[in-house]
């Protein structure tokens, strides 16, 4: 049984399913909830935010806090819960978080895309599963 689980959350039904999975499987585990602010969604490069983007960042940060609060409310465990917000490309940022913290398992929701939509949009869950230094559970 893991002792410290990383659960990336984005407010989607899939990330809420991942939280429900953790609650049902490991009631006393330490959970870190991670929300990744993705600048690429707004047309910025992941590594550089241009000047004048402070307003966008503040909005994104406020949204992240709401998503993390909702996730915390959804999680029903006896263990500790910490939250973290990072900026970057979601898949790479999640893998980096799993490497940098004392994480021993990642639980991530998947949209379950197949075919062309998966090729075009990519799969964050697949990227994380292939590159994570710790075991990954993908929940649909």
N, C-alpha and C. Protein backbone atom coordinates (compact mmCIF):
# COMPACT_ATOMS: atom_id res chain seq x y z
N UNK A 1 0.84 -1.17 0.00
CA UNK A 1 0.00 0.00 0.00
C UNK A 1 0.89 1.25 0.00
N UNK A 2 0.55 2.20 -0.86
CA UNK A 2 1.36 3.43 -0.89
C UNK A 2 1.17 4.26 0.38
N UNK A 3 2.15 5.10 0.65
CA UNK A 3 2.04 5.99 1.80
C UNK A 3 1.80 7.44 1.39
N UNK A 4 2.23 7.79 0.16
CA UNK A 4 2.06 9.17 -0.32
C UNK A 4 1.68 9.13 -1.80
N UNK A 5 0.45 9.58 -2.08
CA UNK A 5 -0.10 9.51 -3.43
C UNK A 5 -0.25 10.90 -4.01
N UNK A 6 0.15 11.05 -5.26
CA UNK A 6 -0.03 12.29 -6.01
C UNK A 6 -1.27 12.13 -6.88
N UNK A 7 -2.20 13.09 -6.78
CA UNK A 7 -3.40 13.07 -7.61
C UNK A 7 -3.49 14.40 -8.35
N UNK A 8 -3.20 14.40 -9.66
CA UNK A 8 -3.38 15.62 -10.44
C UNK A 8 -4.87 15.89 -10.62
N UNK A 9 -5.27 17.14 -10.42
CA UNK A 9 -6.69 17.50 -10.55
C UNK A 9 -6.84 18.71 -11.46
N UNK A 10 -7.88 18.65 -12.30
CA UNK A 10 -8.16 19.77 -13.20
C UNK A 10 -9.62 20.17 -13.17
N UNK A 11 -10.38 19.59 -12.24
CA UNK A 11 -11.80 19.90 -12.14
C UNK A 11 -12.68 19.05 -13.04
N UNK A 12 -12.09 18.20 -13.84
CA UNK A 12 -12.86 17.35 -14.74
C UNK A 12 -13.50 16.19 -13.98
N UNK A 13 -14.54 15.61 -14.55
CA UNK A 13 -15.12 14.42 -13.91
C UNK A 13 -14.10 13.29 -13.76
N UNK A 14 -13.15 13.21 -14.68
CA UNK A 14 -12.13 12.16 -14.62
C UNK A 14 -11.22 12.34 -13.41
N UNK A 15 -10.85 13.58 -13.11
CA UNK A 15 -9.98 13.79 -11.95
C UNK A 15 -10.76 13.56 -10.66
N UNK A 16 -12.06 13.85 -10.67
CA UNK A 16 -12.89 13.54 -9.49
C UNK A 16 -13.01 12.03 -9.29
N UNK A 17 -13.06 11.28 -10.39
CA UNK A 17 -13.08 9.82 -10.29
C UNK A 17 -11.78 9.31 -9.67
N UNK A 18 -10.66 9.93 -10.02
CA UNK A 18 -9.38 9.53 -9.43
C UNK A 18 -9.40 9.76 -7.92
N UNK A 19 -9.99 10.88 -7.49
CA UNK A 19 -10.09 11.16 -6.05
C UNK A 19 -10.97 10.13 -5.35
N UNK A 20 -12.07 9.77 -5.98
CA UNK A 20 -12.97 8.76 -5.39
C UNK A 20 -12.25 7.40 -5.27
N UNK A 21 -11.44 7.10 -6.27
CA UNK A 21 -10.67 5.85 -6.24
C UNK A 21 -9.72 5.85 -5.05
N UNK A 22 -8.99 6.94 -4.87
CA UNK A 22 -8.05 7.03 -3.74
C UNK A 22 -8.80 6.89 -2.41
N UNK A 23 -9.94 7.58 -2.30
CA UNK A 23 -10.73 7.50 -1.07
C UNK A 23 -11.19 6.08 -0.77
N UNK A 24 -11.59 5.36 -1.81
CA UNK A 24 -12.11 4.01 -1.59
C UNK A 24 -11.01 2.97 -1.36
N UNK A 25 -9.83 3.21 -1.93
CA UNK A 25 -8.75 2.22 -1.83
C UNK A 25 -7.82 2.44 -0.64
N UNK A 26 -7.50 3.70 -0.36
CA UNK A 26 -6.50 4.01 0.66
C UNK A 26 -6.99 5.14 1.56
N UNK A 27 -7.70 4.79 2.62
CA UNK A 27 -8.32 5.79 3.47
C UNK A 27 -7.39 6.55 4.39
N UNK A 28 -6.17 6.04 4.60
CA UNK A 28 -5.28 6.72 5.54
C UNK A 28 -3.95 7.14 4.90
N UNK A 29 -3.95 7.29 3.60
CA UNK A 29 -2.74 7.66 2.87
C UNK A 29 -2.57 9.18 2.87
N UNK A 30 -1.33 9.65 2.75
CA UNK A 30 -1.05 11.07 2.56
C UNK A 30 -1.26 11.38 1.08
N UNK A 31 -2.07 12.39 0.77
CA UNK A 31 -2.37 12.74 -0.62
C UNK A 31 -1.88 14.14 -0.91
N UNK A 32 -1.20 14.29 -2.04
CA UNK A 32 -0.87 15.60 -2.56
C UNK A 32 -1.71 15.83 -3.80
N UNK A 33 -2.52 16.88 -3.76
CA UNK A 33 -3.34 17.28 -4.90
C UNK A 33 -2.54 18.29 -5.71
N UNK A 34 -2.41 18.05 -7.00
CA UNK A 34 -1.63 18.93 -7.87
C UNK A 34 -2.52 19.48 -8.98
N UNK A 35 -2.51 20.80 -9.11
CA UNK A 35 -3.18 21.44 -10.24
C UNK A 35 -2.10 22.12 -11.07
N UNK A 36 -2.10 21.85 -12.36
CA UNK A 36 -1.11 22.42 -13.26
C UNK A 36 -1.77 23.52 -14.09
N UNK A 37 -1.22 24.71 -13.98
CA UNK A 37 -1.65 25.84 -14.82
C UNK A 37 -0.91 25.71 -16.13
N UNK A 38 -1.66 25.56 -17.22
CA UNK A 38 -1.07 25.32 -18.53
C UNK A 38 -1.12 26.59 -19.37
N UNK A 39 0.01 27.31 -19.51
CA UNK A 39 0.01 28.54 -20.29
C UNK A 39 -0.27 28.32 -21.77
N UNK A 40 -0.04 27.11 -22.26
CA UNK A 40 -0.25 26.82 -23.67
C UNK A 40 -1.72 26.99 -24.04
N UNK A 41 -2.62 26.74 -23.08
CA UNK A 41 -4.05 26.92 -23.34
C UNK A 41 -4.37 28.36 -23.74
N UNK A 42 -3.57 29.32 -23.29
CA UNK A 42 -3.80 30.73 -23.59
C UNK A 42 -2.90 31.25 -24.70
N UNK A 43 -2.17 30.34 -25.33
CA UNK A 43 -1.31 30.75 -26.43
C UNK A 43 0.10 31.15 -26.01
N UNK A 44 0.43 30.98 -24.73
CA UNK A 44 1.78 31.28 -24.26
C UNK A 44 2.63 30.02 -24.35
N UNK A 45 3.93 30.20 -24.40
CA UNK A 45 4.82 29.05 -24.32
C UNK A 45 4.88 28.60 -22.87
N UNK A 46 5.07 27.31 -22.68
CA UNK A 46 5.06 26.75 -21.32
C UNK A 46 6.18 27.30 -20.46
N UNK A 47 7.31 27.64 -21.07
CA UNK A 47 8.46 28.05 -20.27
C UNK A 47 8.54 29.55 -20.04
N UNK A 48 7.84 30.35 -20.84
CA UNK A 48 7.97 31.80 -20.74
C UNK A 48 6.59 32.45 -20.81
N UNK A 49 6.26 33.21 -19.78
CA UNK A 49 5.04 34.00 -19.81
C UNK A 49 5.43 35.43 -20.18
N UNK A 50 4.82 36.00 -21.20
CA UNK A 50 5.20 37.34 -21.63
C UNK A 50 4.76 38.40 -20.62
N UNK A 51 5.38 39.58 -20.73
CA UNK A 51 4.94 40.66 -19.85
C UNK A 51 3.48 40.97 -20.15
N UNK A 52 2.76 41.41 -19.14
CA UNK A 52 1.34 41.66 -19.31
C UNK A 52 0.48 40.45 -19.06
N UNK A 53 1.11 39.33 -18.74
CA UNK A 53 0.34 38.11 -18.50
C UNK A 53 -0.01 37.94 -17.03
N UNK A 54 0.34 38.92 -16.20
CA UNK A 54 0.10 38.80 -14.76
C UNK A 54 -1.40 38.64 -14.46
N UNK A 55 -2.24 39.38 -15.18
CA UNK A 55 -3.69 39.27 -14.95
C UNK A 55 -4.17 37.86 -15.27
N UNK A 56 -3.71 37.31 -16.39
CA UNK A 56 -4.08 35.95 -16.75
C UNK A 56 -3.62 34.98 -15.68
N UNK A 57 -2.39 35.16 -15.21
CA UNK A 57 -1.85 34.25 -14.20
C UNK A 57 -2.66 34.32 -12.90
N UNK A 58 -3.02 35.52 -12.48
CA UNK A 58 -3.81 35.66 -11.25
C UNK A 58 -5.17 34.98 -11.39
N UNK A 59 -5.79 35.11 -12.56
CA UNK A 59 -7.06 34.42 -12.82
C UNK A 59 -6.87 32.90 -12.77
N UNK A 60 -5.81 32.44 -13.41
CA UNK A 60 -5.53 31.00 -13.44
C UNK A 60 -5.24 30.47 -12.04
N UNK A 61 -4.54 31.26 -11.26
CA UNK A 61 -4.21 30.85 -9.90
C UNK A 61 -5.48 30.78 -9.04
N UNK A 62 -6.38 31.75 -9.19
CA UNK A 62 -7.65 31.73 -8.45
C UNK A 62 -8.48 30.51 -8.85
N UNK A 63 -8.50 30.20 -10.15
CA UNK A 63 -9.21 29.02 -10.63
C UNK A 63 -8.59 27.75 -10.05
N UNK A 64 -7.25 27.72 -9.98
CA UNK A 64 -6.56 26.57 -9.41
C UNK A 64 -6.95 26.36 -7.95
N UNK A 65 -7.04 27.44 -7.21
CA UNK A 65 -7.43 27.33 -5.80
C UNK A 65 -8.84 26.76 -5.66
N UNK A 66 -9.75 27.17 -6.56
CA UNK A 66 -11.12 26.64 -6.53
C UNK A 66 -11.12 25.14 -6.85
N UNK A 67 -10.35 24.75 -7.86
CA UNK A 67 -10.28 23.34 -8.26
C UNK A 67 -9.71 22.51 -7.11
N UNK A 68 -8.66 23.02 -6.47
CA UNK A 68 -8.03 22.29 -5.37
C UNK A 68 -8.97 22.19 -4.17
N UNK A 69 -9.73 23.23 -3.89
CA UNK A 69 -10.68 23.20 -2.78
C UNK A 69 -11.79 22.18 -3.05
N UNK A 70 -12.30 22.16 -4.28
CA UNK A 70 -13.31 21.18 -4.66
C UNK A 70 -12.75 19.77 -4.52
N UNK A 71 -11.51 19.58 -4.95
CA UNK A 71 -10.88 18.26 -4.86
C UNK A 71 -10.70 17.85 -3.40
N UNK A 72 -10.28 18.77 -2.57
CA UNK A 72 -10.11 18.48 -1.15
C UNK A 72 -11.45 18.06 -0.53
N UNK A 73 -12.53 18.75 -0.91
CA UNK A 73 -13.86 18.41 -0.40
C UNK A 73 -14.31 17.03 -0.87
N UNK A 74 -13.92 16.65 -2.07
CA UNK A 74 -14.31 15.35 -2.64
C UNK A 74 -13.55 14.20 -1.98
N UNK A 75 -12.36 14.47 -1.54
CA UNK A 75 -11.49 13.44 -0.97
C UNK A 75 -11.97 13.08 0.44
N UNK A 76 -12.16 11.80 0.68
CA UNK A 76 -12.65 11.34 1.97
C UNK A 76 -11.64 10.36 2.56
N UNK A 77 -10.60 10.93 3.19
CA UNK A 77 -9.56 10.09 3.79
C UNK A 77 -9.23 10.60 5.19
N UNK A 78 -8.55 9.74 5.95
CA UNK A 78 -8.09 10.13 7.28
C UNK A 78 -6.67 10.67 7.26
N UNK A 79 -5.94 10.45 6.17
CA UNK A 79 -4.56 10.90 6.08
C UNK A 79 -4.45 12.38 5.78
N UNK A 80 -3.21 12.85 5.71
CA UNK A 80 -2.94 14.25 5.43
C UNK A 80 -3.20 14.57 3.97
N UNK A 81 -3.62 15.81 3.71
CA UNK A 81 -3.85 16.28 2.34
C UNK A 81 -3.09 17.59 2.17
N UNK A 82 -2.24 17.63 1.15
CA UNK A 82 -1.55 18.86 0.82
C UNK A 82 -1.92 19.24 -0.61
N UNK A 83 -1.80 20.52 -0.92
CA UNK A 83 -2.11 20.99 -2.27
C UNK A 83 -0.91 21.70 -2.84
N UNK A 84 -0.86 21.66 -4.17
CA UNK A 84 0.26 22.28 -4.88
C UNK A 84 -0.22 22.77 -6.23
N UNK A 85 0.26 23.94 -6.63
CA UNK A 85 -0.03 24.47 -7.96
C UNK A 85 1.29 24.73 -8.66
N UNK A 86 1.42 24.24 -9.88
CA UNK A 86 2.62 24.47 -10.69
C UNK A 86 2.19 25.01 -12.05
N UNK A 87 3.13 25.62 -12.75
CA UNK A 87 2.90 26.13 -14.10
C UNK A 87 3.75 25.32 -15.06
N UNK A 88 3.14 24.86 -16.15
CA UNK A 88 3.89 24.12 -17.16
C UNK A 88 2.99 23.23 -17.98
N UNK A 89 3.61 22.37 -18.74
CA UNK A 89 2.85 21.38 -19.51
C UNK A 89 2.41 20.30 -18.54
N UNK A 90 1.14 19.97 -18.53
CA UNK A 90 0.62 19.07 -17.50
C UNK A 90 1.38 17.75 -17.36
N UNK A 91 1.58 17.02 -18.42
CA UNK A 91 2.21 15.70 -18.30
C UNK A 91 3.62 15.79 -17.72
N UNK A 92 4.43 16.66 -18.26
CA UNK A 92 5.81 16.80 -17.77
C UNK A 92 5.84 17.32 -16.34
N UNK A 93 4.95 18.21 -16.01
CA UNK A 93 4.91 18.78 -14.66
C UNK A 93 4.49 17.73 -13.64
N UNK A 94 3.56 16.87 -14.01
CA UNK A 94 3.13 15.80 -13.11
C UNK A 94 4.27 14.82 -12.86
N UNK A 95 4.97 14.44 -13.91
CA UNK A 95 6.11 13.52 -13.76
C UNK A 95 7.19 14.16 -12.89
N UNK A 96 7.46 15.43 -13.12
CA UNK A 96 8.46 16.14 -12.31
C UNK A 96 8.04 16.18 -10.84
N UNK A 97 6.77 16.43 -10.58
CA UNK A 97 6.28 16.46 -9.20
C UNK A 97 6.43 15.09 -8.54
N UNK A 98 6.19 14.03 -9.29
CA UNK A 98 6.35 12.68 -8.75
C UNK A 98 7.81 12.39 -8.43
N UNK A 99 8.72 12.96 -9.20
CA UNK A 99 10.15 12.77 -8.95
C UNK A 99 10.64 13.59 -7.76
N UNK A 100 10.17 14.83 -7.66
CA UNK A 100 10.71 15.76 -6.68
C UNK A 100 10.20 15.55 -5.26
N UNK A 101 8.98 15.10 -5.12
CA UNK A 101 8.40 14.91 -3.80
C UNK A 101 8.60 13.46 -3.36
N UNK A 102 8.23 13.18 -2.14
CA UNK A 102 8.35 11.83 -1.60
C UNK A 102 7.10 11.03 -1.98
N UNK A 103 6.82 10.97 -3.27
CA UNK A 103 5.63 10.32 -3.81
C UNK A 103 5.97 8.86 -4.12
N UNK A 104 5.05 7.95 -3.77
CA UNK A 104 5.30 6.56 -4.16
C UNK A 104 4.19 5.97 -5.03
N UNK A 105 3.22 6.81 -5.44
CA UNK A 105 2.18 6.35 -6.37
C UNK A 105 1.48 7.58 -6.95
N UNK A 106 1.08 7.48 -8.22
CA UNK A 106 0.31 8.53 -8.87
C UNK A 106 -1.03 7.92 -9.29
N UNK A 107 -2.12 8.63 -9.01
CA UNK A 107 -3.44 8.21 -9.48
C UNK A 107 -3.96 9.35 -10.33
N UNK A 108 -4.25 9.05 -11.60
CA UNK A 108 -4.64 10.08 -12.56
C UNK A 108 -5.89 9.65 -13.32
N UNK A 109 -6.77 10.60 -13.56
CA UNK A 109 -7.95 10.33 -14.36
C UNK A 109 -7.61 10.41 -15.84
N UNK A 110 -8.33 9.63 -16.63
CA UNK A 110 -8.11 9.64 -18.08
C UNK A 110 -9.42 9.93 -18.78
N UNK A 111 -9.34 10.72 -19.83
CA UNK A 111 -10.53 11.02 -20.63
C UNK A 111 -10.90 9.85 -21.52
N UNK A 112 -9.98 8.89 -21.68
CA UNK A 112 -10.28 7.71 -22.46
C UNK A 112 -10.36 7.95 -23.96
N UNK A 113 -9.66 8.98 -24.43
CA UNK A 113 -9.68 9.25 -25.88
C UNK A 113 -8.99 8.14 -26.64
N UNK A 114 -9.47 7.92 -27.85
CA UNK A 114 -8.88 6.90 -28.72
C UNK A 114 -8.71 7.47 -30.11
N UNK A 115 -7.94 6.77 -30.90
CA UNK A 115 -7.80 7.12 -32.31
C UNK A 115 -7.22 8.50 -32.56
N UNK A 116 -7.80 9.19 -33.54
CA UNK A 116 -7.27 10.47 -34.00
C UNK A 116 -7.29 11.51 -32.90
N UNK A 117 -8.36 11.56 -32.09
CA UNK A 117 -8.42 12.58 -31.04
C UNK A 117 -7.29 12.40 -30.04
N UNK A 118 -6.90 11.15 -29.74
CA UNK A 118 -5.79 10.91 -28.83
C UNK A 118 -4.47 11.35 -29.48
N UNK A 119 -4.34 11.09 -30.78
CA UNK A 119 -3.12 11.49 -31.47
C UNK A 119 -2.98 13.01 -31.53
N UNK A 120 -4.09 13.69 -31.80
CA UNK A 120 -4.07 15.14 -31.93
C UNK A 120 -3.94 15.80 -30.56
N UNK A 121 -4.74 15.37 -29.60
CA UNK A 121 -4.75 16.01 -28.29
C UNK A 121 -3.71 15.44 -27.35
N UNK A 122 -3.20 14.26 -27.64
CA UNK A 122 -2.23 13.64 -26.75
C UNK A 122 -2.93 13.03 -25.56
N UNK A 123 -2.19 12.32 -24.77
CA UNK A 123 -2.75 11.73 -23.58
C UNK A 123 -1.84 12.02 -22.40
N UNK A 124 -2.30 12.88 -21.53
CA UNK A 124 -1.52 13.22 -20.34
C UNK A 124 -1.31 11.96 -19.51
N UNK A 125 -2.37 11.19 -19.32
CA UNK A 125 -2.27 9.98 -18.51
C UNK A 125 -1.25 9.00 -19.09
N UNK A 126 -1.28 8.82 -20.40
CA UNK A 126 -0.33 7.91 -21.03
C UNK A 126 1.10 8.39 -20.86
N UNK A 127 1.33 9.69 -21.06
CA UNK A 127 2.67 10.27 -20.88
C UNK A 127 3.15 10.03 -19.45
N UNK A 128 2.29 10.29 -18.48
CA UNK A 128 2.66 10.11 -17.08
C UNK A 128 2.97 8.65 -16.80
N UNK A 129 2.13 7.75 -17.29
CA UNK A 129 2.35 6.32 -17.05
C UNK A 129 3.68 5.84 -17.64
N UNK A 130 4.05 6.35 -18.79
CA UNK A 130 5.29 5.92 -19.44
C UNK A 130 6.54 6.50 -18.79
N UNK A 131 6.43 7.68 -18.19
CA UNK A 131 7.63 8.37 -17.71
C UNK A 131 7.74 8.51 -16.19
N UNK A 132 6.71 8.12 -15.49
CA UNK A 132 6.71 8.29 -14.04
C UNK A 132 7.75 7.39 -13.37
N UNK A 133 8.43 7.91 -12.36
CA UNK A 133 9.39 7.09 -11.62
C UNK A 133 8.72 6.17 -10.61
N UNK A 134 7.41 6.31 -10.43
CA UNK A 134 6.65 5.50 -9.47
C UNK A 134 5.45 4.87 -10.17
N UNK A 135 4.83 3.87 -9.57
CA UNK A 135 3.65 3.27 -10.20
C UNK A 135 2.53 4.28 -10.42
N UNK A 136 1.77 4.06 -11.49
CA UNK A 136 0.66 4.95 -11.85
C UNK A 136 -0.60 4.11 -12.01
N UNK A 137 -1.69 4.61 -11.42
CA UNK A 137 -3.00 4.01 -11.63
C UNK A 137 -3.80 5.01 -12.46
N UNK A 138 -4.33 4.55 -13.59
CA UNK A 138 -5.15 5.40 -14.45
C UNK A 138 -6.61 5.01 -14.23
N UNK A 139 -7.42 6.01 -13.90
CA UNK A 139 -8.83 5.80 -13.59
C UNK A 139 -9.67 6.42 -14.69
N UNK A 140 -10.68 5.68 -15.17
CA UNK A 140 -11.62 6.23 -16.17
C UNK A 140 -12.98 6.35 -15.57
